[in-house]
PDB file of all heavy atoms in Angstrom:
ATOM      1  N   THR A   1     120.278  93.078  75.457  1.00  0.00           N
ATOM      2  CA  THR A   1     119.004  93.661  75.280  1.00  0.00           C
ATOM      3  C   THR A   1     119.037  94.703  74.107  1.00  0.00           C
ATOM      4  O   THR A   1     120.040  95.320  73.844  1.00  0.00           O
ATOM      5  CB  THR A   1     118.454  94.395  76.415  1.00  0.00           C
ATOM      6  OG1 THR A   1     119.291  95.434  76.856  1.00  0.00           O
ATOM      7  CG2 THR A   1     118.362  93.385  77.640  1.00  0.00           C
ATOM      8  N   VAL A   2     117.875  94.834  73.349  1.00  0.00           N
ATOM      9  CA  VAL A   2     117.730  95.877  72.420  1.00  0.00           C
ATOM     10  C   VAL A   2     116.387  96.525  72.671  1.00  0.00           C
ATOM     11  O   VAL A   2     115.390  95.787  72.872  1.00  0.00           O
ATOM     12  CB  VAL A   2     117.833  95.192  70.954  1.00  0.00           C
ATOM     13  CG1 VAL A   2     117.437  96.339  69.979  1.00  0.00           C
ATOM     14  CG2 VAL A   2     119.191  94.707  70.698  1.00  0.00           C
ATOM     15  N   GLN A   3     116.388  97.867  72.627  1.00  0.00           N
ATOM     16  CA  GLN A   3     115.125  98.576  72.744  1.00  0.00           C
ATOM     17  C   GLN A   3     114.432  98.658  71.432  1.00  0.00           C
ATOM     18  O   GLN A   3     114.992  99.206  70.521  1.00  0.00           O
ATOM     19  CB  GLN A   3     115.336  99.884  73.348  1.00  0.00           C
ATOM     20  CG  GLN A   3     115.930  99.905  74.754  1.00  0.00           C
ATOM     21  CD  GLN A   3     115.254  98.943  75.703  1.00  0.00           C
ATOM     22  OE1 GLN A   3     114.028  99.105  75.908  1.00  0.00           O
ATOM     23  NE2 GLN A   3     116.006  97.972  76.147  1.00  0.00           N
ATOM     24  N   VAL A   4     113.253  98.089  71.365  1.00  0.00           N
ATOM     25  CA  VAL A   4     112.467  98.069  70.080  1.00  0.00           C
ATOM     26  C   VAL A   4     111.797  99.427  70.008  1.00  0.00           C
ATOM     27  O   VAL A   4     111.090  99.895  70.938  1.00  0.00           O
ATOM     28  CB  VAL A   4     111.415  96.947  70.170  1.00  0.00           C
ATOM     29  CG1 VAL A   4     110.545  97.020  68.919  1.00  0.00           C
ATOM     30  CG2 VAL A   4     112.077  95.535  70.270  1.00  0.00           C
ATOM     31  N   PRO A   5     111.977 100.075  68.924  1.00  0.00           N
ATOM     32  CA  PRO A   5     111.396 101.413  68.773  1.00  0.00           C
ATOM     33  C   PRO A   5     109.903 101.380  68.597  1.00  0.00           C
ATOM     34  O   PRO A   5     109.354 100.423  68.060  1.00  0.00           O
ATOM     35  CB  PRO A   5     112.097 102.021  67.519  1.00  0.00           C
ATOM     36  CG  PRO A   5     112.464 100.815  66.712  1.00  0.00           C
ATOM     37  CD  PRO A   5     112.852  99.766  67.736  1.00  0.00           C
ATOM     38  N   VAL A   6     109.231 102.361  69.211  1.00  0.00           N
ATOM     39  CA  VAL A   6     107.751 102.483  69.096  1.00  0.00           C
ATOM     40  C   VAL A   6     107.384 103.823  68.411  1.00  0.00           C
ATOM     41  O   VAL A   6     107.824 104.893  68.904  1.00  0.00           O
ATOM     42  CB  VAL A   6     107.127 102.357  70.515  1.00  0.00           C
ATOM     43  CG1 VAL A   6     105.621 102.642  70.425  1.00  0.00           C
ATOM     44  CG2 VAL A   6     107.448 101.009  71.261  1.00  0.00           C
ATOM     45  N   LYS A   7     106.595 103.714  67.432  1.00  0.00           N
ATOM     46  CA  LYS A   7     106.139 104.908  66.737  1.00  0.00           C
ATOM     47  C   LYS A   7     104.697 104.803  66.348  1.00  0.00           C
ATOM     48  O   LYS A   7     104.258 103.717  65.716  1.00  0.00           O
ATOM     49  CB  LYS A   7     107.026 105.148  65.437  1.00  0.00           C
ATOM     50  CG  LYS A   7     106.717 106.420  64.638  1.00  0.00           C
ATOM     51  CD  LYS A   7     107.613 106.662  63.574  1.00  0.00           C
ATOM     52  CE  LYS A   7     107.279 107.964  62.823  1.00  0.00           C
ATOM     53  NZ  LYS A   7     108.191 108.137  61.649  1.00  0.00           N
ATOM     54  N   ASP A   8     103.962 105.781  66.747  1.00  0.00           N
ATOM     55  CA  ASP A   8     102.518 105.816  66.451  1.00  0.00           C
ATOM     56  C   ASP A   8     101.790 104.591  66.906  1.00  0.00           C
ATOM     57  O   ASP A   8     100.875 103.990  66.222  1.00  0.00           O
ATOM     58  CB  ASP A   8     102.305 105.992  64.928  1.00  0.00           C
ATOM     59  CG  ASP A   8     102.852 107.398  64.386  1.00  0.00           C
ATOM     60  OD1 ASP A   8     102.841 108.342  65.205  1.00  0.00           O
ATOM     61  OD2 ASP A   8     103.249 107.404  63.223  1.00  0.00           O
ATOM     62  N   GLY A   9     102.164 103.982  68.068  1.00  0.00           N
ATOM     63  CA  GLY A   9     101.467 102.936  68.584  1.00  0.00           C
ATOM     64  C   GLY A   9     101.856 101.582  68.120  1.00  0.00           C
ATOM     65  O   GLY A   9     101.219 100.598  68.377  1.00  0.00           O
ATOM     66  N   ARG A  10     102.989 101.504  67.228  1.00  0.00           N
ATOM     67  CA  ARG A  10     103.438 100.230  66.782  1.00  0.00           C
ATOM     68  C   ARG A  10     104.883 100.130  67.107  1.00  0.00           C
ATOM     69  O   ARG A  10     105.654 100.973  67.107  1.00  0.00           O
ATOM     70  CB  ARG A  10     103.226 100.148  65.185  1.00  0.00           C
ATOM     71  CG  ARG A  10     101.846  99.997  64.809  1.00  0.00           C
ATOM     72  CD  ARG A  10     101.689  99.455  63.436  1.00  0.00           C
ATOM     73  NE  ARG A  10     101.962  98.028  63.517  1.00  0.00           N
ATOM     74  CZ  ARG A  10     100.968  97.130  63.804  1.00  0.00           C
ATOM     75  NH1 ARG A  10      99.792  97.516  64.146  1.00  0.00           N
ATOM     76  NH2 ARG A  10     101.258  95.765  63.723  1.00  0.00           N
ATOM     77  N   ALA A  11     105.231  98.816  67.485  1.00  0.00           N
ATOM     78  CA  ALA A  11     106.634  98.421  67.828  1.00  0.00           C
ATOM     79  C   ALA A  11     107.175  97.588  66.642  1.00  0.00           C
ATOM     80  O   ALA A  11     106.564  96.523  66.351  1.00  0.00           O
ATOM     81  CB  ALA A  11     106.716  97.616  69.079  1.00  0.00           C
ATOM     82  N   GLN A  12     108.226  97.980  66.029  1.00  0.00           N
ATOM     83  CA  GLN A  12     108.684  97.274  64.926  1.00  0.00           C
ATOM     84  C   GLN A  12     110.237  97.035  65.038  1.00  0.00           C
ATOM     85  O   GLN A  12     110.994  97.992  65.324  1.00  0.00           O
ATOM     86  CB  GLN A  12     108.385  97.983  63.542  1.00  0.00           C
ATOM     87  CG  GLN A  12     106.980  98.147  63.349  1.00  0.00           C
ATOM     88  CD  GLN A  12     106.619  99.000  62.078  1.00  0.00           C
ATOM     89  OE1 GLN A  12     107.272 100.118  61.815  1.00  0.00           O
ATOM     90  NE2 GLN A  12     105.781  98.537  61.229  1.00  0.00           N
ATOM     91  N   TRP A  13     110.639  95.844  64.605  1.00  0.00           N
ATOM     92  CA  TRP A  13     112.119  95.488  64.769  1.00  0.00           C
ATOM     93  C   TRP A  13     112.373  94.298  64.083  1.00  0.00           C
ATOM     94  O   TRP A  13     111.529  93.325  64.045  1.00  0.00           O
ATOM     95  CB  TRP A  13     112.400  95.357  66.259  1.00  0.00           C
ATOM     96  CG  TRP A  13     113.806  94.918  66.637  1.00  0.00           C
ATOM     97  CD1 TRP A  13     115.064  95.584  66.569  1.00  0.00           C
ATOM     98  CD2 TRP A  13     114.131  93.663  67.186  1.00  0.00           C
ATOM     99  NE1 TRP A  13     116.044  94.900  67.030  1.00  0.00           N
ATOM    100  CE2 TRP A  13     115.574  93.644  67.415  1.00  0.00           C
ATOM    101  CE3 TRP A  13     113.410  92.502  67.510  1.00  0.00           C
ATOM    102  CZ2 TRP A  13     116.223  92.542  67.924  1.00  0.00           C
ATOM    103  CZ3 TRP A  13     114.060  91.424  67.963  1.00  0.00           C
ATOM    104  CH2 TRP A  13     115.424  91.396  68.155  1.00  0.00           C
ATOM    105  N   THR A  14     113.631  94.003  63.622  1.00  0.00           N
ATOM    106  CA  THR A  14     114.020  92.850  62.941  1.00  0.00           C
ATOM    107  C   THR A  14     115.234  92.285  63.679  1.00  0.00           C
ATOM    108  O   THR A  14     116.221  92.895  63.978  1.00  0.00           O
ATOM    109  CB  THR A  14     114.582  93.134  61.461  1.00  0.00           C
ATOM    110  OG1 THR A  14     113.382  93.653  60.683  1.00  0.00           O
ATOM    111  CG2 THR A  14     114.947  91.889  60.830  1.00  0.00           C
ATOM    112  N   ALA A  15     115.118  91.004  64.010  1.00  0.00           N
ATOM    113  CA  ALA A  15     116.141  90.361  64.857  1.00  0.00           C
ATOM    114  C   ALA A  15     117.316  89.947  63.996  1.00  0.00           C
ATOM    115  O   ALA A  15     117.266  89.580  62.926  1.00  0.00           O
ATOM    116  CB  ALA A  15     115.555  88.989  65.502  1.00  0.00           C
ATOM    117  N   THR A  16     118.540  90.051  64.695  1.00  0.00           N
ATOM    118  CA  THR A  16     119.866  89.651  64.179  1.00  0.00           C
ATOM    119  C   THR A  16     120.609  88.846  65.076  1.00  0.00           C
ATOM    120  O   THR A  16     120.613  89.113  66.255  1.00  0.00           O
ATOM    121  CB  THR A  16     120.647  90.846  63.636  1.00  0.00           C
ATOM    122  OG1 THR A  16     120.956  91.655  64.736  1.00  0.00           O
ATOM    123  CG2 THR A  16     119.947  91.680  62.599  1.00  0.00           C
ATOM    124  N   GLY A  17     121.254  87.806  64.655  1.00  0.00           N
ATOM    125  CA  GLY A  17     122.263  87.101  65.462  1.00  0.00           C
ATOM    126  C   GLY A  17     121.744  86.321  66.697  1.00  0.00           C
ATOM    127  O   GLY A  17     122.084  86.738  67.809  1.00  0.00           O
ATOM    128  N   GLY A  18     120.902  85.334  66.451  1.00  0.00           N
ATOM    129  CA  GLY A  18     120.474  84.618  67.595  1.00  0.00           C
ATOM    130  C   GLY A  18     118.946  84.552  67.758  1.00  0.00           C
ATOM    131  O   GLY A  18     118.172  85.065  67.025  1.00  0.00           O
ATOM    132  N   GLU A  19     118.597  83.861  68.885  1.00  0.00           N
ATOM    133  CA  GLU A  19     117.248  83.660  69.246  1.00  0.00           C
ATOM    134  C   GLU A  19     116.840  84.809  70.291  1.00  0.00           C
ATOM    135  O   GLU A  19     117.629  85.000  71.277  1.00  0.00           O
ATOM    136  CB  GLU A  19     116.892  82.341  69.899  1.00  0.00           C
ATOM    137  CG  GLU A  19     117.186  81.134  68.927  1.00  0.00           C
ATOM    138  CD  GLU A  19     116.243  81.189  67.636  1.00  0.00           C
ATOM    139  OE1 GLU A  19     115.076  81.434  67.848  1.00  0.00           O
ATOM    140  OE2 GLU A  19     116.768  81.037  66.566  1.00  0.00           O
ATOM    141  N   TRP A  20     115.798  85.417  70.169  1.00  0.00           N
ATOM    142  CA  TRP A  20     115.442  86.542  70.977  1.00  0.00           C
ATOM    143  C   TRP A  20     113.962  86.359  71.497  1.00  0.00           C
ATOM    144  O   TRP A  20     113.178  85.643  70.911  1.00  0.00           O
ATOM    145  CB  TRP A  20     115.345  87.931  70.204  1.00  0.00           C
ATOM    146  CG  TRP A  20     116.693  88.211  69.756  1.00  0.00           C
ATOM    147  CD1 TRP A  20     117.375  87.659  68.602  1.00  0.00           C
ATOM    148  CD2 TRP A  20     117.664  89.234  70.127  1.00  0.00           C
ATOM    149  NE1 TRP A  20     118.636  88.313  68.417  1.00  0.00           N
ATOM    150  CE2 TRP A  20     118.739  89.295  69.326  1.00  0.00           C
ATOM    151  CE3 TRP A  20     117.519  90.117  71.259  1.00  0.00           C
ATOM    152  CZ2 TRP A  20     119.874  90.114  69.568  1.00  0.00           C
ATOM    153  CZ3 TRP A  20     118.694  90.914  71.510  1.00  0.00           C
ATOM    154  CH2 TRP A  20     119.772  90.984  70.679  1.00  0.00           C
ATOM    155  N   THR A  21     113.733  87.002  72.596  1.00  0.00           N
ATOM    156  CA  THR A  21     112.318  87.121  73.202  1.00  0.00           C
ATOM    157  C   THR A  21     112.036  88.629  73.350  1.00  0.00           C
ATOM    158  O   THR A  21     112.708  89.316  73.910  1.00  0.00           O
ATOM    159  CB  THR A  21     112.130  86.492  74.520  1.00  0.00           C
ATOM    160  OG1 THR A  21     112.442  85.027  74.250  1.00  0.00           O
ATOM    161  CG2 THR A  21     110.600  86.586  74.877  1.00  0.00           C
ATOM    162  N   VAL A  22     110.927  89.040  72.722  1.00  0.00           N
ATOM    163  CA  VAL A  22     110.481  90.444  72.878  1.00  0.00           C
ATOM    164  C   VAL A  22     109.391  90.601  73.925  1.00  0.00           C
ATOM    165  O   VAL A  22     108.460  89.834  73.886  1.00  0.00           O
ATOM    166  CB  VAL A  22     109.973  90.998  71.511  1.00  0.00           C
ATOM    167  CG1 VAL A  22     109.497  92.508  71.758  1.00  0.00           C
ATOM    168  CG2 VAL A  22     110.992  90.981  70.395  1.00  0.00           C
ATOM    169  N   TYR A  23     109.683  91.501  74.917  1.00  0.00           N
ATOM    170  CA  TYR A  23     108.782  91.672  76.065  1.00  0.00           C
ATOM    171  C   TYR A  23     108.082  93.045  75.891  1.00  0.00           C
ATOM    172  O   TYR A  23     108.820  94.047  75.717  1.00  0.00           O
ATOM    173  CB  TYR A  23     109.563  91.593  77.350  1.00  0.00           C
ATOM    174  CG  TYR A  23     110.034  90.325  77.684  1.00  0.00           C
ATOM    175  CD1 TYR A  23     111.375  89.933  77.196  1.00  0.00           C
ATOM    176  CD2 TYR A  23     109.402  89.353  78.460  1.00  0.00           C
ATOM    177  CE1 TYR A  23     111.889  88.651  77.461  1.00  0.00           C
ATOM    178  CE2 TYR A  23     109.940  88.191  78.821  1.00  0.00           C
ATOM    179  CZ  TYR A  23     111.199  87.852  78.336  1.00  0.00           C
ATOM    180  OH  TYR A  23     111.665  86.576  78.628  1.00  0.00           O
ATOM    181  N   VAL A  24     106.809  93.098  75.937  1.00  0.00           N
ATOM    182  CA  VAL A  24     106.013  94.348  75.958  1.00  0.00           C
ATOM    183  C   VAL A  24     105.687  94.537  77.465  1.00  0.00           C
ATOM    184  O   VAL A  24     104.924  93.819  77.994  1.00  0.00           O
ATOM    185  CB  VAL A  24     104.785  94.291  75.049  1.00  0.00           C
ATOM    186  CG1 VAL A  24     104.076  95.625  75.209  1.00  0.00           C
ATOM    187  CG2 VAL A  24     105.262  94.043  73.566  1.00  0.00           C
ATOM    188  N   VAL A  25     106.214  95.598  77.995  1.00  0.00           N
ATOM    189  CA  VAL A  25     106.065  95.892  79.435  1.00  0.00           C
ATOM    190  C   VAL A  25     105.101  96.996  79.597  1.00  0.00           C
ATOM    191  O   VAL A  25     105.273  98.126  79.037  1.00  0.00           O
ATOM    192  CB  VAL A  25     107.393  96.211  80.203  1.00  0.00           C
ATOM    193  CG1 VAL A  25     107.083  96.523  81.657  1.00  0.00           C
ATOM    194  CG2 VAL A  25     108.362  95.068  79.980  1.00  0.00           C
ATOM    195  N   GLU A  26     104.004  96.806  80.409  1.00  0.00           N
ATOM    196  CA  GLU A  26     103.022  97.837  80.699  1.00  0.00           C
ATOM    197  C   GLU A  26     102.914  98.070  82.186  1.00  0.00           C
ATOM    198  O   GLU A  26     103.327  97.189  82.997  1.00  0.00           O
ATOM    199  CB  GLU A  26     101.666  97.394  80.164  1.00  0.00           C
ATOM    200  CG  GLU A  26     101.641  97.295  78.696  1.00  0.00           C
ATOM    201  CD  GLU A  26     100.126  96.843  78.276  1.00  0.00           C
ATOM    202  OE1 GLU A  26      99.348  96.492  79.084  1.00  0.00           O
ATOM    203  OE2 GLU A  26      99.876  96.985  76.975  1.00  0.00           O
ATOM    204  N   HIS A  27     102.382  99.224  82.530  1.00  0.00           N
ATOM    205  CA  HIS A  27     101.970  99.396  83.892  1.00  0.00           C
ATOM    206  C   HIS A  27     100.500  99.012  84.069  1.00  0.00           C
ATOM    207  O   HIS A  27      99.726  99.252  83.106  1.00  0.00           O
ATOM    208  CB  HIS A  27     102.265 100.806  84.472  1.00  0.00           C
ATOM    209  CG  HIS A  27     101.494 101.994  83.778  1.00  0.00           C
ATOM    210  ND1 HIS A  27     100.202 102.239  84.088  1.00  0.00           N
ATOM    211  CD2 HIS A  27     101.863 102.743  82.749  1.00  0.00           C
ATOM    212  CE1 HIS A  27      99.735 103.227  83.221  1.00  0.00           C
ATOM    213  NE2 HIS A  27     100.698 103.569  82.459  1.00  0.00           N
ATOM    214  N   ALA A  28     100.134  98.489  85.195  1.00  0.00           N
ATOM    215  CA  ALA A  28      98.820  97.988  85.373  1.00  0.00           C
ATOM    216  C   ALA A  28      98.471  98.099  86.938  1.00  0.00           C
ATOM    217  O   ALA A  28      99.305  98.035  87.694  1.00  0.00           O
ATOM    218  CB  ALA A  28      98.644  96.578  84.784  1.00  0.00           C
ATOM    219  N   PHE A  29      97.092  98.123  87.139  1.00  0.00           N
ATOM    220  CA  PHE A  29      96.626  98.104  88.487  1.00  0.00           C
ATOM    221  C   PHE A  29      96.769  96.598  88.874  1.00  0.00           C
ATOM    222  O   PHE A  29      96.106  95.705  88.274  1.00  0.00           O
ATOM    223  CB  PHE A  29      95.208  98.551  88.588  1.00  0.00           C
ATOM    224  CG  PHE A  29      95.112 100.092  88.630  1.00  0.00           C
ATOM    225  CD1 PHE A  29      94.673 100.651  87.415  1.00  0.00           C
ATOM    226  CD2 PHE A  29      95.469 100.859  89.630  1.00  0.00           C
ATOM    227  CE1 PHE A  29      94.549 102.105  87.353  1.00  0.00           C
ATOM    228  CE2 PHE A  29      95.442 102.212  89.529  1.00  0.00           C
ATOM    229  CZ  PHE A  29      94.949 102.824  88.433  1.00  0.00           C
ATOM    230  N   LYS A  30      97.573  96.214  89.819  1.00  0.00           N
ATOM    231  CA  LYS A  30      97.661  94.929  90.306  1.00  0.00           C
ATOM    232  C   LYS A  30      97.993  94.891  91.802  1.00  0.00           C
ATOM    233  O   LYS A  30      98.888  95.721  92.286  1.00  0.00           O
ATOM    234  CB  LYS A  30      98.885  94.263  89.494  1.00  0.00           C
ATOM    235  CG  LYS A  30      98.975  92.758  89.760  1.00  0.00           C
ATOM    236  CD  LYS A  30      99.803  92.007  88.681  1.00  0.00           C
ATOM    237  CE  LYS A  30      99.743  90.533  88.900  1.00  0.00           C
ATOM    238  NZ  LYS A  30     100.528  89.867  87.840  1.00  0.00           N
ATOM    239  N   THR A  31      97.402  94.018  92.489  1.00  0.00           N
ATOM    240  CA  THR A  31      97.540  94.054  93.974  1.00  0.00           C
ATOM    241  C   THR A  31      98.105  92.832  94.545  1.00  0.00           C
ATOM    242  O   THR A  31      97.907  91.646  94.028  1.00  0.00           O
ATOM    243  CB  THR A  31      96.223  94.325  94.700  1.00  0.00           C
ATOM    244  OG1 THR A  31      96.385  94.382  96.044  1.00  0.00           O
ATOM    245  CG2 THR A  31      95.185  93.207  94.416  1.00  0.00           C
ATOM    246  N   SER A  32      98.823  92.902  95.643  1.00  0.00           N
ATOM    247  CA  SER A  32      99.105  91.735  96.463  1.00  0.00           C
ATOM    248  C   SER A  32      97.735  91.082  96.945  1.00  0.00           C
ATOM    249  O   SER A  32      96.830  91.905  97.227  1.00  0.00           O
ATOM    250  CB  SER A  32      99.912  92.029  97.649  1.00  0.00           C
ATOM    251  OG  SER A  32     101.144  92.629  97.291  1.00  0.00           O
ATOM    252  N   PRO A  33      97.614  89.862  97.070  1.00  0.00           N
ATOM    253  CA  PRO A  33      96.360  89.335  97.667  1.00  0.00           C
ATOM    254  C   PRO A  33      96.067  89.866  99.061  1.00  0.00           C
ATOM    255  O   PRO A  33      97.004  90.064  99.824  1.00  0.00           O
ATOM    256  CB  PRO A  33      96.615  87.744  97.628  1.00  0.00           C
ATOM    257  CG  PRO A  33      97.777  87.589  96.831  1.00  0.00           C
ATOM    258  CD  PRO A  33      98.624  88.722  96.803  1.00  0.00           C
TER     259      PRO A  33
END
C-alpha cells in the first residue's frame, strides 16, 4: 500500500511498478437493515 497525499482537497499521485487500485475511503451514515 501507498498513502496518496491529500492537499487542499485534492489527492495526487503517480503509480510506479505494477498495477494499482486507488481507494478513496470516507465515513458515512450507513445502517444495518
